Amino acid sequence: LWLRRFRRRLPADAQVLFFTPLVDDTAATLARRIDAHGHLVTVLSPDPTATGTVGQRLTTFERRQRLRSLRSGGIRAVEWGDDSFPVAVAAATRRWSR
């Protein structure tokens, strides 16, 4: 219901910039659904994970898998770690233009 209302408000040629830490599958699924309706989706994912504990490493792995999956599905994704926002976007943009 929420997604349907959201899509109705979007112009047909709208691009969607989606901010999410991707710590579970919900956001990735939503990005895929919006993309499936023909909108250009870019996911901006600040990295909330840190290395150290086994749990943190697992969370990092799962998050990277979600990013990889989105990218392999044609969704542009910016992984935003310790770099400044402009540096992270520039790195992602270079990857998109290949």
N, C-alpha and C. Protein backbone atom coordinates (compact mmCIF):
# COMPACT_ATOMS: atom_id res chain seq x y z
N LEU A 1 0.83 -1.20 0.00
CA LEU A 1 0.00 0.00 0.00
C LEU A 1 0.87 1.25 0.00
N TRP A 2 1.86 1.29 0.89
CA TRP A 2 2.74 2.46 0.96
C TRP A 2 3.47 2.67 -0.36
N LEU A 3 4.02 1.60 -0.90
CA LEU A 3 4.78 1.70 -2.14
C LEU A 3 3.89 2.16 -3.29
N ARG A 4 2.70 1.67 -3.34
CA ARG A 4 1.77 2.08 -4.40
C ARG A 4 1.50 3.58 -4.34
N ARG A 5 1.25 4.10 -3.14
CA ARG A 5 1.02 5.54 -2.99
C ARG A 5 2.27 6.34 -3.36
N PHE A 6 3.42 5.83 -2.95
CA PHE A 6 4.69 6.50 -3.26
C PHE A 6 4.88 6.57 -4.77
N ARG A 7 4.67 5.46 -5.47
CA ARG A 7 4.86 5.43 -6.92
C ARG A 7 3.90 6.35 -7.64
N ARG A 8 2.67 6.47 -7.15
CA ARG A 8 1.69 7.36 -7.78
C ARG A 8 2.15 8.81 -7.74
N ARG A 9 2.90 9.16 -6.72
CA ARG A 9 3.38 10.54 -6.58
C ARG A 9 4.61 10.84 -7.43
N LEU A 10 5.27 9.80 -7.91
CA LEU A 10 6.48 9.98 -8.70
C LEU A 10 6.14 10.23 -10.16
N PRO A 11 6.76 11.25 -10.75
CA PRO A 11 6.62 11.38 -12.20
C PRO A 11 7.23 10.14 -12.87
N ALA A 12 6.76 9.81 -14.05
CA ALA A 12 7.21 8.60 -14.74
C ALA A 12 8.72 8.58 -14.95
N ASP A 13 9.33 9.75 -15.13
CA ASP A 13 10.77 9.81 -15.40
C ASP A 13 11.59 10.15 -14.14
N ALA A 14 10.98 10.01 -12.97
CA ALA A 14 11.67 10.37 -11.72
C ALA A 14 12.83 9.43 -11.43
N GLN A 15 13.91 10.02 -10.93
CA GLN A 15 15.02 9.24 -10.41
C GLN A 15 14.87 9.21 -8.89
N VAL A 16 15.19 8.09 -8.27
CA VAL A 16 15.02 7.94 -6.83
C VAL A 16 16.39 7.79 -6.18
N LEU A 17 16.69 8.67 -5.24
CA LEU A 17 17.90 8.58 -4.43
C LEU A 17 17.47 8.02 -3.09
N PHE A 18 17.96 6.84 -2.76
CA PHE A 18 17.49 6.08 -1.61
C PHE A 18 18.62 5.98 -0.59
N PHE A 19 18.46 6.63 0.56
CA PHE A 19 19.45 6.58 1.64
C PHE A 19 19.10 5.44 2.58
N THR A 20 20.01 4.49 2.78
CA THR A 20 19.77 3.37 3.68
C THR A 20 21.09 2.72 4.09
N PRO A 21 21.22 2.29 5.34
CA PRO A 21 22.44 1.59 5.74
C PRO A 21 22.48 0.13 5.27
N LEU A 22 21.38 -0.37 4.69
CA LEU A 22 21.30 -1.75 4.18
C LEU A 22 21.67 -2.80 5.23
N VAL A 23 21.16 -2.65 6.43
CA VAL A 23 21.47 -3.62 7.48
C VAL A 23 20.50 -4.81 7.49
N ASP A 24 19.46 -4.76 6.64
CA ASP A 24 18.61 -5.92 6.44
C ASP A 24 18.12 -5.92 4.99
N ASP A 25 17.35 -6.92 4.61
CA ASP A 25 16.94 -7.06 3.21
C ASP A 25 15.79 -6.16 2.80
N THR A 26 15.10 -5.55 3.74
CA THR A 26 13.91 -4.76 3.43
C THR A 26 14.21 -3.63 2.46
N ALA A 27 15.23 -2.84 2.74
CA ALA A 27 15.55 -1.69 1.88
C ALA A 27 15.99 -2.14 0.49
N ALA A 28 16.79 -3.19 0.41
CA ALA A 28 17.24 -3.68 -0.90
C ALA A 28 16.05 -4.18 -1.72
N THR A 29 15.13 -4.85 -1.08
CA THR A 29 13.93 -5.33 -1.77
C THR A 29 13.10 -4.15 -2.28
N LEU A 30 12.96 -3.12 -1.47
CA LEU A 30 12.20 -1.94 -1.87
C LEU A 30 12.88 -1.24 -3.05
N ALA A 31 14.20 -1.12 -3.01
CA ALA A 31 14.93 -0.49 -4.12
C ALA A 31 14.70 -1.28 -5.41
N ARG A 32 14.72 -2.59 -5.32
CA ARG A 32 14.49 -3.43 -6.50
C ARG A 32 13.07 -3.24 -7.05
N ARG A 33 12.11 -3.12 -6.15
CA ARG A 33 10.72 -2.95 -6.59
C ARG A 33 10.52 -1.61 -7.30
N ILE A 34 11.13 -0.56 -6.76
CA ILE A 34 11.03 0.76 -7.40
C ILE A 34 11.71 0.71 -8.77
N ASP A 35 12.88 0.07 -8.83
CA ASP A 35 13.61 -0.09 -10.09
C ASP A 35 12.78 -0.88 -11.10
N ALA A 36 12.09 -1.90 -10.65
CA ALA A 36 11.28 -2.75 -11.53
C ALA A 36 10.14 -1.96 -12.18
N HIS A 37 9.76 -0.85 -11.56
CA HIS A 37 8.70 -0.01 -12.12
C HIS A 37 9.27 1.06 -13.05
N GLY A 38 10.55 0.92 -13.41
CA GLY A 38 11.12 1.78 -14.43
C GLY A 38 11.81 3.04 -13.95
N HIS A 39 11.96 3.20 -12.65
CA HIS A 39 12.65 4.39 -12.13
C HIS A 39 14.13 4.11 -11.97
N LEU A 40 14.96 5.10 -12.29
CA LEU A 40 16.39 4.99 -12.04
C LEU A 40 16.59 5.14 -10.54
N VAL A 41 17.14 4.13 -9.89
CA VAL A 41 17.34 4.13 -8.45
C VAL A 41 18.83 4.17 -8.15
N THR A 42 19.22 5.08 -7.27
CA THR A 42 20.58 5.13 -6.75
C THR A 42 20.49 4.96 -5.25
N VAL A 43 21.19 3.96 -4.72
CA VAL A 43 21.21 3.71 -3.28
C VAL A 43 22.45 4.35 -2.70
N LEU A 44 22.27 5.20 -1.70
CA LEU A 44 23.39 5.80 -0.97
C LEU A 44 23.40 5.13 0.39
N SER A 45 24.45 4.37 0.66
CA SER A 45 24.48 3.55 1.86
C SER A 45 25.63 3.92 2.79
N PRO A 46 25.36 4.75 3.81
CA PRO A 46 26.40 5.01 4.80
C PRO A 46 26.72 3.72 5.53
N ASP A 47 27.99 3.48 5.79
CA ASP A 47 28.41 2.22 6.41
C ASP A 47 28.36 2.33 7.93
N PRO A 48 27.38 1.68 8.58
CA PRO A 48 27.28 1.73 10.03
C PRO A 48 28.10 0.65 10.72
N THR A 49 28.74 -0.19 9.93
CA THR A 49 29.47 -1.33 10.50
C THR A 49 30.92 -0.96 10.75
N ALA A 50 31.51 -1.68 11.65
CA ALA A 50 32.93 -1.52 11.95
C ALA A 50 33.52 -2.91 12.10
N THR A 51 34.82 -3.01 11.92
CA THR A 51 35.44 -4.33 12.09
C THR A 51 35.73 -4.54 13.57
N GLY A 52 35.85 -5.75 13.95
CA GLY A 52 36.14 -6.07 15.35
C GLY A 52 35.53 -7.38 15.75
N THR A 53 34.28 -7.34 16.14
CA THR A 53 33.63 -8.55 16.62
C THR A 53 33.17 -9.42 15.45
N VAL A 54 32.91 -10.67 15.74
CA VAL A 54 32.39 -11.58 14.71
C VAL A 54 31.05 -11.06 14.19
N GLY A 55 30.21 -10.58 15.08
CA GLY A 55 28.91 -10.04 14.68
C GLY A 55 29.05 -8.85 13.74
N GLN A 56 29.98 -7.98 14.02
CA GLN A 56 30.20 -6.83 13.15
C GLN A 56 30.71 -7.27 11.78
N ARG A 57 31.60 -8.24 11.77
CA ARG A 57 32.12 -8.74 10.48
C ARG A 57 31.00 -9.40 9.67
N LEU A 58 30.13 -10.14 10.35
CA LEU A 58 29.00 -10.77 9.66
C LEU A 58 28.07 -9.70 9.08
N THR A 59 27.78 -8.67 9.86
CA THR A 59 26.92 -7.58 9.39
C THR A 59 27.55 -6.90 8.18
N THR A 60 28.87 -6.69 8.24
CA THR A 60 29.58 -6.08 7.11
C THR A 60 29.46 -6.96 5.87
N PHE A 61 29.66 -8.26 6.03
CA PHE A 61 29.55 -9.20 4.92
C PHE A 61 28.15 -9.17 4.31
N GLU A 62 27.12 -9.23 5.15
CA GLU A 62 25.74 -9.24 4.66
C GLU A 62 25.42 -7.95 3.92
N ARG A 63 25.89 -6.83 4.45
CA ARG A 63 25.65 -5.53 3.83
C ARG A 63 26.33 -5.47 2.46
N ARG A 64 27.56 -5.94 2.38
CA ARG A 64 28.27 -5.92 1.10
C ARG A 64 27.59 -6.84 0.08
N GLN A 65 27.05 -7.95 0.55
CA GLN A 65 26.30 -8.85 -0.34
C GLN A 65 25.07 -8.13 -0.91
N ARG A 66 24.39 -7.36 -0.05
CA ARG A 66 23.22 -6.61 -0.52
C ARG A 66 23.63 -5.58 -1.57
N LEU A 67 24.73 -4.87 -1.31
CA LEU A 67 25.23 -3.89 -2.28
C LEU A 67 25.57 -4.57 -3.60
N ARG A 68 26.27 -5.69 -3.53
CA ARG A 68 26.65 -6.44 -4.73
C ARG A 68 25.41 -6.89 -5.50
N SER A 69 24.42 -7.36 -4.78
CA SER A 69 23.19 -7.83 -5.41
C SER A 69 22.46 -6.69 -6.11
N LEU A 70 22.38 -5.54 -5.45
CA LEU A 70 21.74 -4.38 -6.08
C LEU A 70 22.48 -3.99 -7.35
N ARG A 71 23.81 -3.92 -7.25
CA ARG A 71 24.62 -3.53 -8.41
C ARG A 71 24.46 -4.52 -9.56
N SER A 72 24.46 -5.81 -9.24
CA SER A 72 24.33 -6.80 -10.30
C SER A 72 22.94 -6.74 -10.95
N GLY A 73 21.97 -6.18 -10.24
CA GLY A 73 20.64 -5.99 -10.80
C GLY A 73 20.48 -4.68 -11.54
N GLY A 74 21.59 -3.94 -11.70
CA GLY A 74 21.55 -2.69 -12.45
C GLY A 74 21.22 -1.46 -11.64
N ILE A 75 21.17 -1.59 -10.31
CA ILE A 75 20.88 -0.44 -9.45
C ILE A 75 22.20 0.17 -9.02
N ARG A 76 22.33 1.47 -9.24
CA ARG A 76 23.56 2.15 -8.83
C ARG A 76 23.57 2.27 -7.31
N ALA A 77 24.72 2.02 -6.71
CA ALA A 77 24.83 2.07 -5.25
C ALA A 77 26.14 2.73 -4.87
N VAL A 78 26.07 3.65 -3.91
CA VAL A 78 27.24 4.34 -3.39
C VAL A 78 27.50 3.79 -2.00
N GLU A 79 28.66 3.18 -1.80
CA GLU A 79 29.04 2.72 -0.47
C GLU A 79 29.80 3.85 0.19
N TRP A 80 29.22 4.40 1.24
CA TRP A 80 29.77 5.59 1.88
C TRP A 80 30.38 5.20 3.21
N GLY A 81 31.70 5.07 3.23
CA GLY A 81 32.43 4.68 4.43
C GLY A 81 33.07 5.87 5.10
N ASP A 82 34.39 5.82 5.24
CA ASP A 82 35.13 6.88 5.93
C ASP A 82 35.40 8.09 5.05
N ASP A 83 35.28 7.94 3.74
CA ASP A 83 35.53 9.07 2.84
C ASP A 83 34.45 10.12 2.98
N SER A 84 34.76 11.34 2.54
CA SER A 84 33.73 12.38 2.52
C SER A 84 32.69 11.99 1.47
N PHE A 85 31.51 12.56 1.60
CA PHE A 85 30.43 12.26 0.67
C PHE A 85 30.84 12.52 -0.78
N PRO A 86 31.44 13.69 -1.10
CA PRO A 86 31.83 13.92 -2.50
C PRO A 86 32.83 12.89 -3.03
N VAL A 87 33.76 12.44 -2.19
CA VAL A 87 34.75 11.45 -2.62
C VAL A 87 34.05 10.11 -2.89
N ALA A 88 33.12 9.71 -2.02
CA ALA A 88 32.39 8.45 -2.21
C ALA A 88 31.56 8.47 -3.49
N VAL A 89 30.90 9.59 -3.75
CA VAL A 89 30.08 9.70 -4.95
C VAL A 89 30.96 9.71 -6.20
N ALA A 90 32.09 10.41 -6.14
CA ALA A 90 33.01 10.45 -7.29
C ALA A 90 33.53 9.06 -7.63
N ALA A 91 33.88 8.29 -6.61
CA ALA A 91 34.37 6.92 -6.84
C ALA A 91 33.28 6.06 -7.48
N ALA A 92 32.07 6.19 -6.98
CA ALA A 92 30.96 5.40 -7.53
C ALA A 92 30.66 5.84 -8.97
N THR A 93 30.71 7.13 -9.22
CA THR A 93 30.42 7.64 -10.56
C THR A 93 31.43 7.11 -11.57
N ARG A 94 32.70 7.04 -11.17
CA ARG A 94 33.71 6.47 -12.06
C ARG A 94 33.38 5.02 -12.40
N ARG A 95 32.91 4.27 -11.40
CA ARG A 95 32.55 2.87 -11.61
C ARG A 95 31.35 2.76 -12.56
N TRP A 96 30.39 3.67 -12.44
CA TRP A 96 29.19 3.63 -13.29
C TRP A 96 29.52 3.92 -14.74
N SER A 97 30.54 4.75 -14.97
CA SER A 97 30.82 5.17 -16.35
C SER A 97 31.66 4.16 -17.12
N ARG A 98 32.07 3.07 -16.49
CA ARG A 98 32.87 2.05 -17.19
C ARG A 98 32.01 1.20 -18.08
